[in-house]
Amino acid sequence: MGRADSVNDRNPPIARAELPDDTAALARFLIGKLVVRQLPEGRASGRIVETEAYVVGDAAGHGFRGMTPRNRSLFLERGHAYVYRAYGVSWMLNVSSEAAGTGTGVLIRALEPLEGIGLMQHNRGNERLRDLARGPGRLAMALRIDRSLDGLDLCRQGPLWLAHDDRERGEIGQSIRIGISKDADRPLRFYLRGSPFVSGPASLSK
């Protein structure tokens, strides 16, 4: 087997059929999975340790008022990237989560950096491992995620995809979501208990 073949066989994408078709279930399922980013300089990846679900009828969700040119990727079949800029500053990576046309998604809030740490440090301008991808804006910067990846199929190998991690996942915690004012009391945030890479107040990650 050649080098290119061995690289391509590493961390194959999660098949769409494996993804739950319920948004909250997908947010929980993605804890412990990998986000893999192929860059010109090499590959970077991280283990998902924190997610938030934005479900049907959720006033905090971008799909609540219907499809627009900005959010149309959120309405794709589950397993596609929805990338938007929050407050005109930070890019956010989301995964569309149900049937095409539904408009629901899962925000990837934090990663444990695994591969390509030097690349992430360069992209972030920060060498502190714990802070490289702790929070959705930092995560996107570390992996150089921007609007050019919006609508990408994350169940196919390319510049960005989702993959399994062979390690034991660990215990999943659940809390209200962070930094929202609408439907703020819904327990739709999921996180890996005990992970130092989880974002937000410590009181929400016990």
Protein backbone atom coordinates (compact mmCIF):
# COMPACT_ATOMS: atom_id res chain seq x y z
CA MET A 1 0.00 0.00 0.00
CA GLY A 2 1.39 3.42 -0.94
CA ARG A 3 1.68 6.42 1.31
CA ALA A 4 -1.27 8.23 -0.29
CA ASP A 5 -3.50 5.19 0.24
CA SER A 6 -2.53 4.87 3.91
CA VAL A 7 -3.24 8.58 4.50
CA ASN A 8 -6.65 8.31 2.83
CA ASP A 9 -7.57 5.24 4.91
CA ARG A 10 -6.88 7.05 8.18
CA ASN A 11 -10.02 8.42 9.90
CA PRO A 12 -12.54 7.67 7.13
CA PRO A 13 -15.71 9.79 7.21
CA ILE A 14 -18.71 8.74 9.28
CA ALA A 15 -21.41 7.38 6.97
CA ARG A 16 -24.56 9.49 6.86
CA ALA A 17 -26.64 6.44 7.78
CA GLU A 18 -24.80 6.34 11.13
CA LEU A 19 -25.90 9.87 12.05
CA PRO A 20 -29.06 10.05 14.19
CA ASP A 21 -31.83 11.96 12.41
CA ASP A 22 -32.88 13.74 15.60
CA THR A 23 -31.00 16.93 16.45
CA ALA A 24 -30.52 16.39 20.19
CA ALA A 25 -29.53 12.77 19.58
CA LEU A 26 -26.98 13.90 16.98
CA ALA A 27 -25.52 16.46 19.38
CA ARG A 28 -24.98 13.69 21.92
CA PHE A 29 -23.70 11.24 19.28
CA LEU A 30 -21.02 13.67 18.11
CA ILE A 31 -19.37 13.88 21.53
CA GLY A 32 -16.17 11.84 21.23
CA LYS A 33 -16.15 11.93 17.43
CA LEU A 34 -13.49 13.70 15.36
CA VAL A 35 -13.44 16.80 13.20
CA VAL A 36 -10.73 16.33 10.56
CA ARG A 37 -9.37 19.25 8.54
CA GLN A 38 -7.13 18.77 5.52
CA LEU A 39 -5.02 21.87 4.88
CA PRO A 40 -2.35 22.49 2.24
CA GLU A 41 0.28 22.25 5.00
CA GLY A 42 -1.07 19.00 6.41
CA ARG A 43 -3.88 17.49 8.45
CA ALA A 44 -5.31 18.78 11.73
CA SER A 45 -7.94 17.06 13.84
CA GLY A 46 -9.62 17.21 17.20
CA ARG A 47 -12.01 15.22 19.35
CA ILE A 48 -15.40 16.83 19.85
CA VAL A 49 -15.94 17.48 23.57
CA GLU A 50 -18.85 19.93 23.49
CA THR A 51 -21.91 20.51 21.28
CA GLU A 52 -25.22 22.37 21.33
CA ALA A 53 -28.44 21.29 19.61
CA TYR A 54 -30.79 23.77 17.88
CA VAL A 55 -33.99 21.85 17.35
CA VAL A 56 -37.31 22.23 15.49
CA GLY A 57 -39.30 25.19 16.83
CA ASP A 58 -36.25 26.56 18.67
CA ALA A 59 -36.37 30.36 18.83
CA ALA A 60 -32.57 30.40 19.28
CA GLY A 61 -32.00 28.47 16.05
CA HIS A 62 -31.08 30.14 12.78
CA GLY A 63 -33.74 28.14 10.95
CA PHE A 64 -36.58 29.32 13.20
CA ARG A 65 -37.91 31.90 10.71
CA GLY A 66 -37.25 29.85 7.60
CA MET A 67 -34.62 29.58 4.90
CA THR A 68 -32.56 32.57 3.76
CA PRO A 69 -29.51 32.87 1.50
CA ARG A 70 -27.37 33.00 4.66
CA ASN A 71 -28.72 29.88 6.38
CA ARG A 72 -29.68 27.63 3.46
CA SER A 73 -26.95 25.09 4.31
CA LEU A 74 -28.72 24.49 7.63
CA PHE A 75 -31.64 23.11 5.60
CA LEU A 76 -29.53 20.47 3.84
CA GLU A 77 -29.80 16.77 4.70
CA ARG A 78 -28.06 15.87 7.97
CA GLY A 79 -24.27 15.80 7.89
CA HIS A 80 -23.52 19.02 6.01
CA ALA A 81 -21.55 22.01 7.27
CA TYR A 82 -23.35 25.22 8.11
CA VAL A 83 -20.75 27.93 8.68
CA TYR A 84 -21.73 31.43 9.74
CA ARG A 85 -20.03 34.43 11.29
CA ALA A 86 -21.22 35.37 14.77
CA TYR A 87 -21.42 39.07 15.64
CA GLY A 88 -19.34 39.83 12.55
CA VAL A 89 -16.25 38.44 14.27
CA SER A 90 -15.96 34.65 14.65
CA TRP A 91 -16.83 31.79 12.32
CA MET A 92 -18.93 28.95 13.77
CA LEU A 93 -19.06 25.33 12.57
CA ASN A 94 -22.45 23.61 12.68
CA VAL A 95 -23.71 20.28 11.36
CA SER A 96 -27.12 20.13 9.68
CA SER A 97 -29.09 17.57 11.62
CA GLU A 98 -32.33 16.27 10.15
CA ALA A 99 -34.14 15.74 6.83
CA ALA A 100 -33.55 18.19 4.01
CA GLY A 101 -35.71 21.27 4.46
CA THR A 102 -35.94 21.05 8.26
CA GLY A 103 -33.46 23.79 9.25
CA THR A 104 -31.98 22.36 12.44
CA GLY A 105 -28.36 21.89 13.44
CA VAL A 106 -25.67 21.11 15.97
CA LEU A 107 -23.05 23.69 16.92
CA ILE A 108 -19.59 22.21 17.50
CA ARG A 109 -18.44 24.20 20.53
CA ALA A 110 -15.08 22.71 21.49
CA LEU A 111 -12.40 20.19 20.49
CA GLU A 112 -9.55 18.40 22.18
CA PRO A 113 -6.66 18.99 19.71
CA LEU A 114 -5.12 15.73 18.51
CA GLU A 115 -3.32 16.07 15.18
CA GLY A 116 -1.61 19.00 13.53
CA ILE A 117 -1.25 20.87 16.81
CA GLY A 118 1.53 23.01 15.37
CA LEU A 119 -0.79 24.08 12.55
CA MET A 120 -3.52 24.96 15.04
CA GLN A 121 -1.08 26.96 17.15
CA HIS A 122 0.03 28.88 14.07
CA ASN A 123 -3.56 29.54 12.97
CA ARG A 124 -4.55 30.72 16.45
CA GLY A 125 -1.34 32.60 17.25
CA ASN A 126 -1.48 30.81 20.60
CA GLU A 127 0.60 27.91 21.88
CA ARG A 128 -1.52 26.98 24.91
CA LEU A 129 -2.98 23.55 24.07
CA ARG A 130 -6.06 23.88 26.27
CA ASP A 131 -7.17 27.09 24.57
CA LEU A 132 -6.58 26.16 20.91
CA ALA A 133 -10.15 25.02 20.22
CA ARG A 134 -11.98 25.67 23.49
CA GLY A 135 -14.99 27.59 22.22
CA PRO A 136 -16.56 27.68 18.74
CA GLY A 137 -14.74 30.77 17.49
CA ARG A 138 -11.35 29.47 18.58
CA LEU A 139 -12.16 26.09 17.07
CA ALA A 140 -12.92 27.60 13.67
CA MET A 141 -9.78 29.73 13.74
CA ALA A 142 -7.59 26.78 14.78
CA LEU A 143 -8.87 24.67 11.87
CA ARG A 144 -9.07 27.62 9.45
CA ILE A 145 -12.79 27.18 8.93
CA ASP A 146 -14.63 29.96 7.13
CA ARG A 147 -17.58 30.57 4.83
CA SER A 148 -15.84 28.79 1.94
CA LEU A 149 -16.67 25.48 3.71
CA ASP A 150 -20.36 26.28 4.12
CA GLY A 151 -22.54 23.53 2.64
CA LEU A 152 -19.72 20.98 2.54
CA ASP A 153 -20.71 17.32 2.93
CA LEU A 154 -19.05 16.23 6.19
CA CYS A 155 -19.72 12.57 5.38
CA ARG A 156 -17.26 12.64 2.49
CA GLN A 157 -13.49 12.97 2.67
CA GLY A 158 -12.34 16.38 1.51
CA PRO A 159 -11.17 19.58 3.19
CA LEU A 160 -13.33 18.90 6.28
CA TRP A 161 -15.16 15.82 7.57
CA LEU A 162 -16.44 13.92 10.62
CA ALA A 163 -14.80 10.67 11.72
CA HIS A 164 -14.89 8.10 14.51
CA ASP A 165 -12.40 8.00 17.37
CA ASP A 166 -11.40 4.52 18.55
CA ARG A 167 -10.95 5.60 22.16
CA GLU A 168 -13.54 5.08 24.89
CA ARG A 169 -15.86 8.07 24.79
CA GLY A 170 -16.41 8.66 28.51
CA GLU A 171 -19.39 10.10 30.36
CA ILE A 172 -21.54 12.75 28.70
CA GLY A 173 -22.93 15.69 30.67
CA GLN A 174 -25.88 17.89 29.74
CA SER A 175 -26.78 21.50 30.53
CA ILE A 176 -28.49 24.60 29.24
CA ARG A 177 -26.85 26.29 26.27
CA ILE A 178 -24.34 29.15 26.51
CA GLY A 179 -24.67 32.79 25.47
CA ILE A 180 -28.25 32.82 24.18
CA SER A 181 -31.33 34.74 25.33
CA LYS A 182 -34.14 32.90 23.51
CA ASP A 183 -35.21 29.43 24.70
CA ALA A 184 -32.26 29.70 27.06
CA ASP A 185 -33.55 27.16 29.58
CA ARG A 186 -33.47 24.15 27.26
CA PRO A 187 -30.93 21.48 28.31
CA LEU A 188 -29.50 21.07 24.81
CA ARG A 189 -25.79 21.43 25.47
CA PHE A 190 -23.73 18.22 25.69
CA TYR A 191 -20.16 17.86 26.87
CA LEU A 192 -17.54 15.29 27.82
CA ARG A 193 -17.33 15.24 31.61
CA GLY A 194 -13.89 15.89 33.00
CA SER A 195 -12.44 17.30 29.77
CA PRO A 196 -10.27 20.39 30.29
CA PHE A 197 -11.07 21.44 26.71
CA VAL A 198 -14.77 22.16 27.36
CA SER A 199 -15.75 25.84 27.13
CA GLY A 200 -18.06 28.00 29.20
CA PRO A 201 -18.55 28.43 32.96
CA ALA A 202 -17.32 25.57 35.14
CA SER A 203 -20.74 25.53 36.83
CA LEU A 204 -22.28 24.22 33.60
CA SER A 205 -19.74 21.42 33.14
CA LYS A 206 -19.84 19.53 36.41
